[in-house]
């Protein structure tokens, strides 16, 4: 009888211990780094924990819910929009966002999946309006600076629309623009044609400029050659004038004149005797006297 009572008391003790452990285990929870935790009771928020550590709640009655406080990347579904010139384009984009106000986020959205749907709808609406103000060729030919400005404009508008949900939209970036398959080839052909026309224009302008440079160069060359010829003629004239002055001086002096004639005769003789030739001289020629040692 005593043994049965002892066993009964032991079993009761075990049950009590199990219940106590269950109560204790259900009374504590942890908040990890990089997450928000909010405690609900019958669906209503009772507490929001933002700091990491060990926390206490009412067991069995209160539930622990967790949300990340890290930045999240959401790839927005590609969407087709019309440009200002009524051309269709497919826009592929993504968003970087984070929960900023936990209470507002829980009361307005409740979960991340639903928030992603709101981001998707808002981004499509903003991109449609922004793209609708630009022509297709402006978008396709847009440079990096223009693309950055476009992304900034879209981000600001999306952030303003979604601020009431307790989130912070850090950025909305357009990854790429695509053309629908039915007009992609036509757009590329038009772009090639436009670039070909631009190239032809640049080539024609270059050839015209080259022709101007060649004409200017030829004109300068002719001027230089003309001046050089004129200078050469002046030098020849001056030389001939000096030559005539020397001859005049020589012929004014009989001795010098005779010597000059003699030198010219020697020179003429030298040229005449080149090759197999016969030279006929008069007996009174100075050359005859020289050759005869007279």
Protein backbone atom coordinates (compact mmCIF):
# COMPACT_ATOMS: atom_id res chain seq x y z
CA UNK A 1 0.00 0.00 0.00
CA UNK A 2 2.80 2.40 0.87
CA UNK A 3 4.66 1.40 -2.31
CA UNK A 4 1.58 2.21 -4.39
CA UNK A 5 1.26 5.63 -2.75
CA UNK A 6 4.93 6.30 -3.34
CA UNK A 7 4.59 5.41 -7.01
CA UNK A 8 1.51 7.62 -7.25
CA UNK A 9 3.28 10.57 -5.67
CA UNK A 10 6.30 10.04 -7.98
CA UNK A 11 4.08 10.00 -11.05
CA UNK A 12 2.32 13.14 -9.90
CA UNK A 13 5.67 14.80 -9.35
CA UNK A 14 6.81 13.87 -12.83
CA UNK A 15 3.63 15.28 -14.31
CA UNK A 16 4.04 18.50 -12.39
CA UNK A 17 7.68 18.78 -13.50
CA UNK A 18 6.69 18.20 -17.11
CA UNK A 19 3.99 20.85 -16.86
CA UNK A 20 6.40 23.30 -15.26
CA UNK A 21 9.01 22.66 -17.96
CA UNK A 22 6.39 23.10 -20.64
CA UNK A 23 5.23 26.35 -19.08
CA UNK A 24 8.78 27.62 -18.71
CA UNK A 25 9.77 26.61 -22.22
CA UNK A 26 6.71 28.38 -23.58
CA UNK A 27 7.44 31.50 -21.56
CA UNK A 28 10.84 32.31 -23.08
CA UNK A 29 11.93 33.12 -26.60
CA UNK A 30 14.96 34.73 -28.24
CA UNK A 31 15.31 37.66 -30.58
CA UNK A 32 18.23 37.18 -32.98
CA UNK A 33 20.36 39.82 -34.66
CA UNK A 34 18.93 40.97 -37.95
CA UNK A 35 15.26 40.38 -37.15
CA UNK A 36 12.17 42.00 -35.66
CA UNK A 37 9.90 39.97 -33.35
CA UNK A 38 6.31 40.85 -32.51
CA UNK A 39 4.15 38.98 -30.00
CA UNK A 40 0.44 38.53 -30.72
CA UNK A 41 -2.40 37.43 -28.48
CA UNK A 42 -5.55 36.28 -30.23
CA UNK A 43 -4.34 38.04 -33.35
CA UNK A 44 -3.58 41.38 -31.71
CA UNK A 45 -0.08 42.77 -31.31
CA UNK A 46 0.97 42.78 -27.67
CA UNK A 47 4.67 43.58 -27.96
CA UNK A 48 7.32 44.39 -30.55
CA UNK A 49 10.94 43.48 -29.79
CA UNK A 50 13.68 45.21 -31.77
CA UNK A 51 16.70 44.32 -29.63
CA UNK A 52 18.39 40.91 -29.65
CA UNK A 53 18.28 38.80 -26.49
CA UNK A 54 16.11 36.49 -24.30
CA UNK A 55 12.48 37.61 -23.88
CA UNK A 56 9.44 36.47 -21.88
CA UNK A 57 5.84 35.91 -23.00
CA UNK A 58 2.69 34.26 -21.73
CA UNK A 59 2.81 30.57 -22.64
CA UNK A 60 0.12 28.98 -24.81
CA UNK A 61 -1.69 32.28 -25.23
CA UNK A 62 0.80 34.49 -26.97
CA UNK A 63 2.52 33.70 -30.30
CA UNK A 64 5.93 34.83 -31.54
CA UNK A 65 6.22 36.17 -35.10
CA UNK A 66 9.46 37.09 -36.84
CA UNK A 67 10.41 39.54 -39.58
CA UNK A 68 13.82 40.36 -41.02
CA UNK A 69 15.18 43.86 -40.57
CA UNK A 70 17.76 43.36 -43.32
CA UNK A 71 17.55 44.83 -46.79
CA UNK A 72 15.71 42.62 -49.25
CA UNK A 73 16.01 42.38 -53.03
CA UNK A 74 12.85 41.77 -54.97
CA UNK A 75 12.98 41.01 -58.70
CA UNK A 76 9.92 42.73 -60.12
CA UNK A 77 7.99 40.89 -62.79
CA UNK A 78 8.90 42.15 -66.32
CA UNK A 79 6.12 44.37 -67.64
CA UNK A 80 5.20 45.79 -71.04
CA UNK A 81 4.68 49.56 -71.26
CA UNK A 82 4.04 52.07 -74.03
CA UNK A 83 6.36 54.99 -74.76
CA UNK A 84 5.24 58.51 -75.69
CA UNK A 85 5.36 57.57 -79.39
CA UNK A 86 3.17 54.52 -78.71
CA UNK A 87 5.94 51.95 -79.02
CA UNK A 88 5.84 48.88 -76.77
CA UNK A 89 8.80 48.02 -74.55
CA UNK A 90 9.36 45.34 -71.93
CA UNK A 91 10.96 46.61 -68.72
CA UNK A 92 12.87 44.30 -66.36
CA UNK A 93 13.65 45.81 -62.95
CA UNK A 94 14.33 45.07 -59.28
CA UNK A 95 13.89 46.79 -55.95
CA UNK A 96 15.96 46.96 -52.75
CA UNK A 97 13.79 47.61 -49.71
CA UNK A 98 13.58 47.12 -45.93
CA UNK A 99 11.00 47.25 -43.15
CA UNK A 100 11.27 50.59 -41.36
CA UNK A 101 8.19 50.84 -39.12
CA UNK A 102 7.26 47.38 -37.82
CA UNK A 103 3.92 48.39 -36.30
CA UNK A 104 2.73 50.13 -39.48
CA UNK A 105 4.00 47.28 -41.64
CA UNK A 106 2.14 44.63 -39.61
CA UNK A 107 -1.10 46.59 -39.46
CA UNK A 108 -1.17 47.57 -43.15
CA UNK A 109 0.50 44.66 -44.94
CA UNK A 110 1.20 41.89 -42.46
CA UNK A 111 3.80 39.87 -44.38
CA UNK A 112 6.60 40.13 -46.89
CA UNK A 113 4.78 38.32 -49.71
CA UNK A 114 1.95 40.82 -49.65
CA UNK A 115 4.43 43.69 -49.57
CA UNK A 116 6.14 42.35 -52.66
CA UNK A 117 2.81 42.47 -54.46
CA UNK A 118 2.44 46.15 -53.49
CA UNK A 119 5.98 46.90 -54.70
CA UNK A 120 5.24 45.13 -57.98
CA UNK A 121 2.04 47.11 -58.60
CA UNK A 122 3.53 50.47 -57.58
CA UNK A 123 6.67 50.01 -59.68
CA UNK A 124 4.66 49.05 -62.75
CA UNK A 125 2.44 52.12 -62.35
CA UNK A 126 5.40 54.51 -61.95
CA UNK A 127 7.42 53.00 -64.81
CA UNK A 128 4.39 53.13 -67.08
CA UNK A 129 3.90 56.85 -66.35
CA UNK A 130 7.60 57.74 -66.64
CA UNK A 131 8.17 55.71 -69.80
CA UNK A 132 4.99 57.14 -71.25
CA UNK A 133 6.61 60.58 -71.26
CA UNK A 134 9.65 59.49 -73.32
CA UNK A 135 10.03 58.42 -76.94
CA UNK A 136 11.44 54.99 -77.65
CA UNK A 137 14.57 56.30 -79.36
CA UNK A 138 15.30 58.48 -76.30
CA UNK A 139 15.15 55.43 -74.04
CA UNK A 140 17.22 53.19 -76.31
CA UNK A 141 19.91 55.81 -76.93
CA UNK A 142 19.98 56.94 -73.27
CA UNK A 143 23.45 57.11 -71.75
CA UNK A 144 24.53 56.06 -68.28
CA UNK A 145 23.88 59.48 -66.73
CA UNK A 146 20.38 59.54 -68.19
CA UNK A 147 19.68 55.99 -66.97
CA UNK A 148 20.79 56.97 -63.46
CA UNK A 149 18.45 59.95 -63.50
CA UNK A 150 15.59 57.75 -64.72
CA UNK A 151 16.17 55.21 -61.93
CA UNK A 152 16.29 57.99 -59.34
CA UNK A 153 13.02 59.43 -60.57
CA UNK A 154 11.31 56.03 -60.43
CA UNK A 155 12.73 55.28 -56.96
CA UNK A 156 11.48 58.56 -55.49
CA UNK A 157 7.96 58.04 -56.80
CA UNK A 158 7.72 54.40 -55.70
CA UNK A 159 9.12 55.26 -52.24
CA UNK A 160 6.53 58.03 -51.83
CA UNK A 161 3.67 55.69 -52.77
CA UNK A 162 4.76 52.90 -50.39
CA UNK A 163 5.87 54.99 -47.40
CA UNK A 164 2.48 54.45 -45.73
CA UNK A 165 3.23 50.73 -45.41
CA UNK A 166 6.14 51.26 -43.00
CA UNK A 167 8.85 50.33 -45.51
CA UNK A 168 11.86 52.13 -46.96
CA UNK A 169 12.45 51.75 -50.68
CA UNK A 170 16.18 52.23 -51.09
CA UNK A 171 16.26 51.94 -54.86
CA UNK A 172 14.38 50.73 -57.90
CA UNK A 173 16.77 49.86 -60.72
CA UNK A 174 15.95 49.03 -64.33
CA UNK A 175 18.09 46.08 -65.35
CA UNK A 176 17.30 46.25 -69.05
CA UNK A 177 14.84 47.32 -71.72
CA UNK A 178 13.65 44.71 -74.20
CA UNK A 179 11.61 45.04 -77.35
CA UNK A 180 8.64 42.80 -78.13
CA UNK A 181 9.64 40.17 -80.67
CA UNK A 182 7.22 41.49 -83.30
CA UNK A 183 8.94 44.91 -83.64
CA UNK A 184 12.45 44.17 -82.40
CA UNK A 185 13.83 43.55 -85.89
CA UNK A 186 12.17 46.72 -87.25
CA UNK A 187 13.66 48.85 -84.47
CA UNK A 188 17.12 47.42 -85.02
CA UNK A 189 16.85 48.01 -88.78
CA UNK A 190 15.82 51.62 -88.16
CA UNK A 191 18.70 52.13 -85.75
CA UNK A 192 21.15 50.67 -88.29
CA UNK A 193 19.73 52.94 -91.00
CA UNK A 194 20.01 56.02 -88.78
CA UNK A 195 23.59 55.16 -87.84
CA UNK A 196 24.44 54.60 -91.53
CA UNK A 197 23.05 58.02 -92.42
CA UNK A 198 25.05 59.60 -89.61
CA UNK A 199 28.19 57.83 -90.83
CA UNK A 200 27.59 59.02 -94.40
CA UNK A 201 27.11 62.59 -93.15
CA UNK A 202 30.32 62.45 -91.12
CA UNK A 203 32.19 60.99 -94.11
CA UNK A 204 30.91 63.72 -96.47
CA UNK A 205 31.82 66.44 -93.99
CA UNK A 206 35.27 64.90 -93.59
CA UNK A 207 35.83 64.74 -97.33
CA UNK A 208 34.72 68.38 -97.71
CA UNK A 209 37.11 69.46 -94.96
CA UNK A 210 39.91 67.42 -96.54
CA UNK A 211 39.28 69.09 -99.91
CA UNK A 212 39.46 72.52 -98.25
CA UNK A 213 42.74 71.60 -96.60
CA UNK A 214 44.19 70.28 -99.89
CA UNK A 215 43.14 73.45 -101.75
CA UNK A 216 44.68 75.66 -99.07
CA UNK A 217 47.87 73.58 -99.16
CA UNK A 218 48.12 73.67 -102.98
CA UNK A 219 47.60 77.43 -102.91
CA UNK A 220 50.36 77.88 -100.33
CA UNK A 221 52.68 75.64 -102.37
CA UNK A 222 52.08 77.69 -105.53
CA UNK A 223 52.77 80.91 -103.63
CA UNK A 224 56.02 79.50 -102.21
CA UNK A 225 57.14 78.19 -105.63
CA UNK A 226 56.30 81.52 -107.28
CA UNK A 227 58.26 83.45 -104.67
CA UNK A 228 61.19 81.02 -105.06
CA UNK A 229 61.21 81.44 -108.86
CA UNK A 230 61.07 85.22 -108.52
CA UNK A 231 63.97 85.11 -106.07
CA UNK A 232 65.91 82.84 -108.45
CA UNK A 233 65.32 85.24 -111.35
CA UNK A 234 66.53 88.15 -109.22
CA UNK A 235 69.67 86.23 -108.29
CA UNK A 236 70.31 85.29 -111.95
CA UNK A 237 69.83 88.91 -112.98
CA UNK A 238 72.19 90.10 -110.28
CA UNK A 239 74.75 87.49 -111.34
CA UNK A 240 74.54 88.47 -114.98
CA UNK A 241 74.81 92.13 -114.03
CA UNK A 242 77.95 91.35 -112.02
CA UNK A 243 79.28 89.26 -114.89
CA UNK A 244 78.78 92.08 -117.37
CA UNK A 245 80.46 94.50 -114.96
CA UNK A 246 83.49 92.22 -114.78
CA UNK A 247 83.61 91.94 -118.59
CA UNK A 248 83.40 95.69 -118.90
CA UNK A 249 86.33 96.07 -116.54
CA UNK A 250 88.34 93.52 -118.49
CA UNK A 251 87.68 95.06 -121.89
CA UNK A 252 88.67 98.53 -120.60
CA UNK A 253 92.19 97.17 -119.87
CA UNK A 254 93.91 95.86 -123.07
CA UNK A 255 96.21 93.50 -121.16
CA UNK A 256 93.33 92.00 -119.20
CA UNK A 257 91.21 91.82 -122.33
CA UNK A 258 93.90 89.89 -124.18
CA UNK A 259 94.30 87.50 -121.24
CA UNK A 260 90.54 86.96 -121.05
CA UNK A 261 90.37 86.20 -124.77
CA UNK A 262 93.30 83.83 -124.36
CA UNK A 263 91.63 81.97 -121.50
CA UNK A 264 88.41 81.68 -123.49
CA UNK A 265 90.31 80.32 -126.45
CA UNK A 266 91.99 77.76 -124.22
CA UNK A 267 88.65 76.71 -122.86
CA UNK A 268 87.19 76.49 -126.35
CA UNK A 269 90.19 74.45 -127.48
CA UNK A 270 89.82 72.07 -124.58
CA UNK A 271 86.17 71.48 -125.43
CA UNK A 272 86.94 71.19 -129.15
CA UNK A 273 89.69 68.63 -128.65
CA UNK A 274 87.44 66.28 -126.71
CA UNK A 275 87.35 63.04 -128.68
CA UNK A 276 89.01 62.20 -132.01
CA UNK A 277 89.00 65.62 -133.73
CA UNK A 278 91.26 67.86 -135.83
CA UNK A 279 91.81 71.50 -134.87
CA UNK A 280 92.73 74.08 -137.58
CA UNK A 281 94.28 77.32 -136.35
CA UNK A 282 95.67 80.35 -138.15
CA UNK A 283 99.39 81.00 -138.02
CA UNK A 284 98.98 84.21 -136.06
CA UNK A 285 96.88 82.54 -133.37
CA UNK A 286 98.33 82.83 -129.85
CA UNK A 287 97.61 79.13 -129.40
CA UNK A 288 99.82 78.30 -132.38
CA UNK A 289 102.64 80.31 -130.90
CA UNK A 290 102.18 78.56 -127.51
CA UNK A 291 102.07 75.12 -129.11
CA UNK A 292 105.15 75.97 -131.20
CA UNK A 293 106.92 77.36 -128.11
CA UNK A 294 107.30 80.76 -129.72
